[in-house]
Amino acid sequence: LKENSRLSSKEISKKLLRKDLHLLKILALINFDGHLAKDLKSFYYSSKNIQDIKLFENIIKRKFNVKCKIKRNATGSKKQTHICWIFNKNLARELNKIGMVRGDKVISSYLIPKWIISDRKFSREFLKIAFFCEGSNKEEIGRKSRIRFSMHKSNRLLANGIKFINQLKNMLDRFDIKTTPIYLSNARIRKDGIKVKLLAFRIALEDNNRFINKIGWIK
């Protein structure tokens, strides 16, 4: 696949100076349900829903005027995972500078950028995408459904993972949405030998509706 290089680094930098919801959505979707190549040559967003892929493609086109390479059923499995892939070194490099996570997120240290935390509109959209990608709202036997956020982190970077989740919790607190304490699962070992744990928290049951009304539940 050939690199799409319509924009120079200078042109991209100018566009990145204009922080808007398009940029926020690109960054958040990649950081939760995508991947930025370690060599910074490309990045992609993946989803089982082709409509989500099309929406992401439209956002990329509107913000940066670059093309995506869409691969349907990219894994070749029954899960039907689709990928929207962007090959542009300049864009990948500049997005990394403003907060797009490079490489394997489970073994990478990262936090939510200040430009997102400091803006209420951006914070709301970031939280919405975070729970869209990594959230669940399942009913349990004898209990009402509860909204939960979870993510995996290597044992070596648990402190960073906890700090990231506390950023989410603090953002929710600014919308008067209470949350449970963070809880961790038992460690498991990946195929590459790295030990990881699941970090999670829930929206307080009495604030489920407040979360849906103030942030939005889009699953």
C-alpha atoms as a PDB file:
ATOM      1  CA  LEU A   1       0.000   0.000   0.000  1.00  0.00           C
ATOM      2  CA  LYS A   2       1.352   3.427  -0.932  1.00  0.00           C
ATOM      3  CA  GLU A   3       1.672   6.214   1.598  1.00  0.00           C
ATOM      4  CA  ASN A   4      -0.860   9.010   1.280  1.00  0.00           C
ATOM      5  CA  SER A   5       1.332  12.113   1.508  1.00  0.00           C
ATOM      6  CA  ARG A   6      -0.794  15.031   0.324  1.00  0.00           C
ATOM      7  CA  LEU A   7      -0.074  17.058   3.458  1.00  0.00           C
ATOM      8  CA  SER A   8       3.356  18.244   4.553  1.00  0.00           C
ATOM      9  CA  SER A   9       4.338  18.289   8.237  1.00  0.00           C
ATOM     10  CA  LYS A  10       3.916  22.076   8.231  1.00  0.00           C
ATOM     11  CA  GLU A  11       0.394  21.850   6.805  1.00  0.00           C
ATOM     12  CA  ILE A  12      -0.562  19.151   9.295  1.00  0.00           C
ATOM     13  CA  SER A  13       0.857  21.166  12.222  1.00  0.00           C
ATOM     14  CA  LYS A  14      -1.375  24.094  11.276  1.00  0.00           C
ATOM     15  CA  LYS A  15      -4.432  21.834  11.251  1.00  0.00           C
ATOM     16  CA  LEU A  16      -3.452  20.318  14.612  1.00  0.00           C
ATOM     17  CA  LEU A  17      -3.277  23.777  16.163  1.00  0.00           C
ATOM     18  CA  ARG A  18      -7.022  23.978  15.589  1.00  0.00           C
ATOM     19  CA  LYS A  19      -8.252  21.659  18.307  1.00  0.00           C
ATOM     20  CA  ASP A  20     -11.799  20.558  17.462  1.00  0.00           C
ATOM     21  CA  LEU A  21     -14.138  17.594  17.880  1.00  0.00           C
ATOM     22  CA  HIS A  22     -12.889  15.979  14.671  1.00  0.00           C
ATOM     23  CA  LEU A  23      -9.351  15.867  16.055  1.00  0.00           C
ATOM     24  CA  LEU A  24     -10.606  14.681  19.432  1.00  0.00           C
ATOM     25  CA  LYS A  25     -12.562  11.817  17.865  1.00  0.00           C
ATOM     26  CA  ILE A  26      -9.606  10.699  15.713  1.00  0.00           C
ATOM     27  CA  LEU A  27      -7.276  10.637  18.712  1.00  0.00           C
ATOM     28  CA  ALA A  28      -9.712   8.916  21.066  1.00  0.00           C
ATOM     29  CA  LEU A  29     -10.856   6.244  18.607  1.00  0.00           C
ATOM     30  CA  ILE A  30      -7.283   5.294  17.720  1.00  0.00           C
ATOM     31  CA  ASN A  31      -6.165   5.269  21.351  1.00  0.00           C
ATOM     32  CA  PHE A  32      -9.007   2.960  22.386  1.00  0.00           C
ATOM     33  CA  ASP A  33      -9.893   0.857  19.325  1.00  0.00           C
ATOM     34  CA  GLY A  34      -7.004   1.422  16.935  1.00  0.00           C
ATOM     35  CA  HIS A  35      -3.252   1.309  16.634  1.00  0.00           C
ATOM     36  CA  LEU A  36      -0.433   3.697  15.776  1.00  0.00           C
ATOM     37  CA  ALA A  37       2.529   1.816  14.283  1.00  0.00           C
ATOM     38  CA  LYS A  38       5.660   1.894  16.419  1.00  0.00           C
ATOM     39  CA  ASP A  39       7.652   3.181  13.413  1.00  0.00           C
ATOM     40  CA  LEU A  40       5.091   6.007  13.012  1.00  0.00           C
ATOM     41  CA  LYS A  41       4.428   5.151   9.369  1.00  0.00           C
ATOM     42  CA  SER A  42       0.705   4.412   9.675  1.00  0.00           C
ATOM     43  CA  PHE A  43      -2.274   4.068  11.995  1.00  0.00           C
ATOM     44  CA  TYR A  44      -5.660   2.377  11.860  1.00  0.00           C
ATOM     45  CA  TYR A  45      -9.082   2.191  13.501  1.00  0.00           C
ATOM     46  CA  SER A  46     -10.859  -1.169  13.753  1.00  0.00           C
ATOM     47  CA  SER A  47     -14.486  -2.074  14.382  1.00  0.00           C
ATOM     48  CA  LYS A  48     -16.901  -4.936  13.834  1.00  0.00           C
ATOM     49  CA  ASN A  49     -19.388  -2.379  12.515  1.00  0.00           C
ATOM     50  CA  ILE A  50     -18.624  -1.159   8.990  1.00  0.00           C
ATOM     51  CA  GLN A  51     -20.741   1.949   9.623  1.00  0.00           C
ATOM     52  CA  ASP A  52     -18.349   2.985  12.403  1.00  0.00           C
ATOM     53  CA  ILE A  53     -15.491   2.556   9.930  1.00  0.00           C
ATOM     54  CA  LYS A  54     -17.254   4.761   7.390  1.00  0.00           C
ATOM     55  CA  LEU A  55     -17.864   7.455  10.012  1.00  0.00           C
ATOM     56  CA  PHE A  56     -14.180   7.423  10.961  1.00  0.00           C
ATOM     57  CA  GLU A  57     -13.204   7.657   7.309  1.00  0.00           C
ATOM     58  CA  ASN A  58     -15.416  10.732   6.902  1.00  0.00           C
ATOM     59  CA  ILE A  59     -13.856  12.408   9.960  1.00  0.00           C
ATOM     60  CA  ILE A  60     -10.333  11.799   8.620  1.00  0.00           C
ATOM     61  CA  LYS A  61     -11.277  13.216   5.227  1.00  0.00           C
ATOM     62  CA  ARG A  62     -12.933  16.304   6.707  1.00  0.00           C
ATOM     63  CA  LYS A  63     -10.065  17.082   9.085  1.00  0.00           C
ATOM     64  CA  PHE A  64      -6.990  16.175   7.015  1.00  0.00           C
ATOM     65  CA  ASN A  65      -8.206  15.422   3.483  1.00  0.00           C
ATOM     66  CA  VAL A  66      -6.386  12.077   3.409  1.00  0.00           C
ATOM     67  CA  LYS A  67      -7.709   8.757   2.151  1.00  0.00           C
ATOM     68  CA  CYS A  68      -8.243   5.580   4.137  1.00  0.00           C
ATOM     69  CA  LYS A  69      -7.661   2.047   2.975  1.00  0.00           C
ATOM     70  CA  ILE A  70     -10.637   0.045   4.220  1.00  0.00           C
ATOM     71  CA  LYS A  71     -10.182  -3.691   4.702  1.00  0.00           C
ATOM     72  CA  ARG A  72     -13.390  -5.605   5.347  1.00  0.00           C
ATOM     73  CA  ASN A  73     -13.197  -8.696   7.552  1.00  0.00           C
ATOM     74  CA  ALA A  74      -9.499  -7.976   8.012  1.00  0.00           C
ATOM     75  CA  THR A  75      -8.904 -10.843  10.447  1.00  0.00           C
ATOM     76  CA  GLY A  76     -10.482 -13.435   8.170  1.00  0.00           C
ATOM     77  CA  SER A  77     -12.502 -14.707  11.124  1.00  0.00           C
ATOM     78  CA  LYS A  78     -16.205 -14.886  11.891  1.00  0.00           C
ATOM     79  CA  LYS A  79     -15.881 -11.713  13.977  1.00  0.00           C
ATOM     80  CA  GLN A  80     -15.894  -9.626  10.779  1.00  0.00           C
ATOM     81  CA  THR A  81     -13.457  -7.038  12.115  1.00  0.00           C
ATOM     82  CA  HIS A  82     -13.023  -4.162   9.646  1.00  0.00           C
ATOM     83  CA  ILE A  83     -10.058  -1.777   9.512  1.00  0.00           C
ATOM     84  CA  CYS A  84      -9.681   1.781   8.271  1.00  0.00           C
ATOM     85  CA  TRP A  85      -5.945   2.200   7.620  1.00  0.00           C
ATOM     86  CA  ILE A  86      -4.102   5.485   6.993  1.00  0.00           C
ATOM     87  CA  PHE A  87      -0.575   5.413   5.569  1.00  0.00           C
ATOM     88  CA  ASN A  88       0.883   8.859   6.135  1.00  0.00           C
ATOM     89  CA  LYS A  89       4.186   9.321   7.996  1.00  0.00           C
ATOM     90  CA  ASN A  90       3.763  13.055   8.479  1.00  0.00           C
ATOM     91  CA  LEU A  91       0.278  12.752   9.930  1.00  0.00           C
ATOM     92  CA  ALA A  92       1.158   9.786  12.159  1.00  0.00           C
ATOM     93  CA  ARG A  93       4.200  11.600  13.551  1.00  0.00           C
ATOM     94  CA  GLU A  94       2.296  14.800  14.326  1.00  0.00           C
ATOM     95  CA  LEU A  95      -0.640  12.958  15.919  1.00  0.00           C
ATOM     96  CA  ASN A  96       1.787  11.116  18.171  1.00  0.00           C
ATOM     97  CA  LYS A  97       3.102  14.479  19.391  1.00  0.00           C
ATOM     98  CA  ILE A  98      -0.337  15.568  20.618  1.00  0.00           C
ATOM     99  CA  GLY A  99      -1.283  12.348  22.397  1.00  0.00           C
ATOM    100  CA  MET A 100      -1.864   9.424  20.021  1.00  0.00           C
ATOM    101  CA  VAL A 101      -0.341   6.360  21.673  1.00  0.00           C
ATOM    102  CA  ARG A 102       2.512   4.668  19.826  1.00  0.00           C
ATOM    103  CA  GLY A 103       2.709   0.868  19.637  1.00  0.00           C
ATOM    104  CA  ASP A 104       1.138  -1.665  22.017  1.00  0.00           C
ATOM    105  CA  LYS A 105      -1.003   0.310  24.478  1.00  0.00           C
ATOM    106  CA  VAL A 106      -0.924  -2.402  27.133  1.00  0.00           C
ATOM    107  CA  ILE A 107       2.843  -2.010  27.502  1.00  0.00           C
ATOM    108  CA  SER A 108       3.012   1.741  26.824  1.00  0.00           C
ATOM    109  CA  SER A 109       2.850   4.585  29.324  1.00  0.00           C
ATOM    110  CA  TYR A 110       0.357   7.324  28.404  1.00  0.00           C
ATOM    111  CA  LEU A 111      -2.172   9.740  29.877  1.00  0.00           C
ATOM    112  CA  ILE A 112      -5.042  11.869  28.615  1.00  0.00           C
ATOM    113  CA  PRO A 113      -3.673  15.088  27.058  1.00  0.00           C
ATOM    114  CA  LYS A 114      -4.261  18.326  28.973  1.00  0.00           C
ATOM    115  CA  TRP A 115      -5.995  19.949  25.983  1.00  0.00           C
ATOM    116  CA  ILE A 116      -8.750  17.351  26.328  1.00  0.00           C
ATOM    117  CA  ILE A 117      -9.047  17.476  30.120  1.00  0.00           C
ATOM    118  CA  SER A 118      -9.180  21.269  30.258  1.00  0.00           C
ATOM    119  CA  ASP A 119     -12.106  21.601  27.810  1.00  0.00           C
ATOM    120  CA  ARG A 120     -15.541  20.471  29.011  1.00  0.00           C
ATOM    121  CA  LYS A 121     -16.850  19.762  25.497  1.00  0.00           C
ATOM    122  CA  PHE A 122     -13.773  17.688  24.622  1.00  0.00           C
ATOM    123  CA  SER A 123     -13.913  15.872  27.967  1.00  0.00           C
ATOM    124  CA  ARG A 124     -17.513  14.830  27.394  1.00  0.00           C
ATOM    125  CA  GLU A 125     -16.769  13.489  23.919  1.00  0.00           C
ATOM    126  CA  PHE A 126     -13.640  11.677  25.117  1.00  0.00           C
ATOM    127  CA  LEU A 127     -15.602   9.987  27.905  1.00  0.00           C
ATOM    128  CA  LYS A 128     -18.335   9.002  25.457  1.00  0.00           C
ATOM    129  CA  ILE A 129     -15.797   7.354  23.141  1.00  0.00           C
ATOM    130  CA  ALA A 130     -13.933   5.719  26.043  1.00  0.00           C
ATOM    131  CA  PHE A 131     -17.095   3.948  27.185  1.00  0.00           C
ATOM    132  CA  PHE A 132     -18.162   3.220  23.595  1.00  0.00           C
ATOM    133  CA  CYS A 133     -14.883   1.373  22.987  1.00  0.00           C
ATOM    134  CA  GLU A 134     -14.060  -0.100  26.410  1.00  0.00           C
ATOM    135  CA  GLY A 135     -17.323   0.111  28.321  1.00  0.00           C
ATOM    136  CA  SER A 136     -20.088  -2.361  29.042  1.00  0.00           C
ATOM    137  CA  ASN A 137     -23.576  -2.155  30.530  1.00  0.00           C
ATOM    138  CA  LYS A 138     -24.541  -5.683  31.437  1.00  0.00           C
ATOM    139  CA  GLU A 139     -27.209  -7.028  33.723  1.00  0.00           C
ATOM    140  CA  GLU A 140     -26.061  -9.445  36.411  1.00  0.00           C
ATOM    141  CA  ILE A 141     -28.186 -12.052  38.143  1.00  0.00           C
ATOM    142  CA  GLY A 142     -30.231 -10.340  40.819  1.00  0.00           C
ATOM    143  CA  ARG A 143     -28.796  -6.917  39.974  1.00  0.00           C
ATOM    144  CA  LYS A 144     -29.626  -4.008  37.707  1.00  0.00           C
ATOM    145  CA  SER A 145     -27.335  -3.329  34.751  1.00  0.00           C
ATOM    146  CA  ARG A 146     -24.207  -1.396  35.662  1.00  0.00           C
ATOM    147  CA  ILE A 147     -21.996   0.692  33.385  1.00  0.00           C
ATOM    148  CA  ARG A 148     -18.349  -0.363  33.576  1.00  0.00           C
ATOM    149  CA  PHE A 149     -15.055   0.748  32.027  1.00  0.00           C
ATOM    150  CA  SER A 150     -12.103  -1.650  31.823  1.00  0.00           C
ATOM    151  CA  MET A 151      -8.641  -1.833  30.264  1.00  0.00           C
ATOM    152  CA  HIS A 152      -5.605  -4.110  30.397  1.00  0.00           C
ATOM    153  CA  LYS A 153      -2.176  -2.936  31.530  1.00  0.00           C
ATOM    154  CA  SER A 154       1.118  -4.710  32.023  1.00  0.00           C
ATOM    155  CA  ASN A 155       2.101  -5.297  35.646  1.00  0.00           C
ATOM    156  CA  ARG A 156       5.122  -3.050  35.102  1.00  0.00           C
ATOM    157  CA  LEU A 157       2.866  -0.103  34.191  1.00  0.00           C
ATOM    158  CA  LEU A 158       0.003  -0.589  36.650  1.00  0.00           C
ATOM    159  CA  ALA A 159       0.727   2.788  38.285  1.00  0.00           C
ATOM    160  CA  ASN A 160       0.348   4.502  34.911  1.00  0.00           C
ATOM    161  CA  GLY A 161      -2.875   2.594  34.194  1.00  0.00           C
ATOM    162  CA  ILE A 162      -4.330   3.621  37.549  1.00  0.00           C
ATOM    163  CA  LYS A 163      -3.368   7.252  36.928  1.00  0.00           C
ATOM    164  CA  PHE A 164      -5.091   7.134  33.510  1.00  0.00           C
ATOM    165  CA  ILE A 165      -8.275   5.696  35.009  1.00  0.00           C
ATOM    166  CA  ASN A 166      -8.218   8.298  37.775  1.00  0.00           C
ATOM    167  CA  GLN A 167      -8.149  10.938  35.028  1.00  0.00           C
ATOM    168  CA  LEU A 168     -11.363   9.435  33.637  1.00  0.00           C
ATOM    169  CA  LYS A 169     -12.919   9.319  37.106  1.00  0.00           C
ATOM    170  CA  ASN A 170     -11.987  12.952  37.779  1.00  0.00           C
ATOM    171  CA  MET A 171     -13.485  13.995  34.441  1.00  0.00           C
ATOM    172  CA  LEU A 172     -16.709  12.182  35.342  1.00  0.00           C
ATOM    173  CA  ASP A 173     -16.712  13.857  38.737  1.00  0.00           C
ATOM    174  CA  ARG A 174     -16.786  17.253  37.009  1.00  0.00           C
ATOM    175  CA  PHE A 175     -20.097  16.154  35.461  1.00  0.00           C
ATOM    176  CA  ASP A 176     -21.340  15.172  38.963  1.00  0.00           C
ATOM    177  CA  ILE A 177     -21.147  11.467  38.097  1.00  0.00           C
ATOM    178  CA  LYS A 178     -19.988   9.259  40.963  1.00  0.00           C
ATOM    179  CA  THR A 179     -17.866   6.154  40.382  1.00  0.00           C
ATOM    180  CA  THR A 180     -16.723   3.106  42.325  1.00  0.00           C
ATOM    181  CA  PRO A 181     -13.122   2.566  43.447  1.00  0.00           C
ATOM    182  CA  ILE A 182     -10.768   0.991  40.880  1.00  0.00           C
ATOM    183  CA  TYR A 183     -10.496  -2.774  41.120  1.00  0.00           C
ATOM    184  CA  LEU A 184      -7.880  -5.083  39.571  1.00  0.00           C
ATOM    185  CA  SER A 185      -8.151  -8.661  38.331  1.00  0.00           C
ATOM    186  CA  ASN A 186      -5.634 -11.410  38.958  1.00  0.00           C
ATOM    187  CA  ALA A 187      -2.610 -11.267  36.655  1.00  0.00           C
ATOM    188  CA  ARG A 188      -2.577 -13.317  33.457  1.00  0.00           C
ATOM    189  CA  ILE A 189       0.311 -14.027  31.126  1.00  0.00           C
ATOM    190  CA  ARG A 190       0.102 -13.095  27.427  1.00  0.00           C
ATOM    191  CA  LYS A 191       1.531 -15.265  24.669  1.00  0.00           C
ATOM    192  CA  ASP A 192       4.638 -13.033  24.635  1.00  0.00           C
ATOM    193  CA  GLY A 193       5.211 -13.731  28.326  1.00  0.00           C
ATOM    194  CA  ILE A 194       4.149 -10.293  29.582  1.00  0.00           C
ATOM    195  CA  LYS A 195       2.042 -10.288  32.756  1.00  0.00           C
ATOM    196  CA  VAL A 196      -1.035  -8.049  32.582  1.00  0.00           C
ATOM    197  CA  LYS A 197      -3.981  -7.157  34.783  1.00  0.00           C
ATOM    198  CA  LEU A 198      -7.463  -5.866  34.052  1.00  0.00           C
ATOM    199  CA  LEU A 199      -8.193  -2.482  35.638  1.00  0.00           C
ATOM    200  CA  ALA A 200     -11.832  -1.447  35.938  1.00  0.00           C
ATOM    201  CA  PHE A 201     -14.378   0.768  37.654  1.00  0.00           C
ATOM    202  CA  ARG A 202     -18.129   1.281  37.468  1.00  0.00           C
ATOM    203  CA  ILE A 203     -20.459   4.220  37.353  1.00  0.00           C
ATOM    204  CA  ALA A 204     -22.307   4.388  40.670  1.00  0.00           C
ATOM    205  CA  LEU A 205     -25.636   2.639  40.168  1.00  0.00           C
ATOM    206  CA  GLU A 206     -27.633   5.693  41.202  1.00  0.00           C
ATOM    207  CA  ASP A 207     -25.823   7.736  38.518  1.00  0.00           C
ATOM    208  CA  ASN A 208     -26.385   5.399  35.554  1.00  0.00           C
ATOM    209  CA  ASN A 209     -29.109   7.626  34.148  1.00  0.00           C
ATOM    210  CA  ARG A 210     -27.089  10.761  34.863  1.00  0.00           C
ATOM    211  CA  PHE A 211     -24.214   9.274  32.852  1.00  0.00           C
ATOM    212  CA  ILE A 212     -26.508   8.393  29.937  1.00  0.00           C
ATOM    213  CA  ASN A 213     -28.093  11.858  29.957  1.00  0.00           C
ATOM    214  CA  LYS A 214     -24.918  13.922  30.443  1.00  0.00           C
ATOM    215  CA  ILE A 215     -22.313  11.856  28.568  1.00  0.00           C
ATOM    216  CA  GLY A 216     -24.336   9.543  26.353  1.00  0.00           C
ATOM    217  CA  TRP A 217     -24.456   5.795  25.844  1.00  0.00           C
ATOM    218  CA  ILE A 218     -23.942   5.016  22.150  1.00  0.00           C
ATOM    219  CA  LYS A 219     -23.820   1.237  22.004  1.00  0.00           C
END
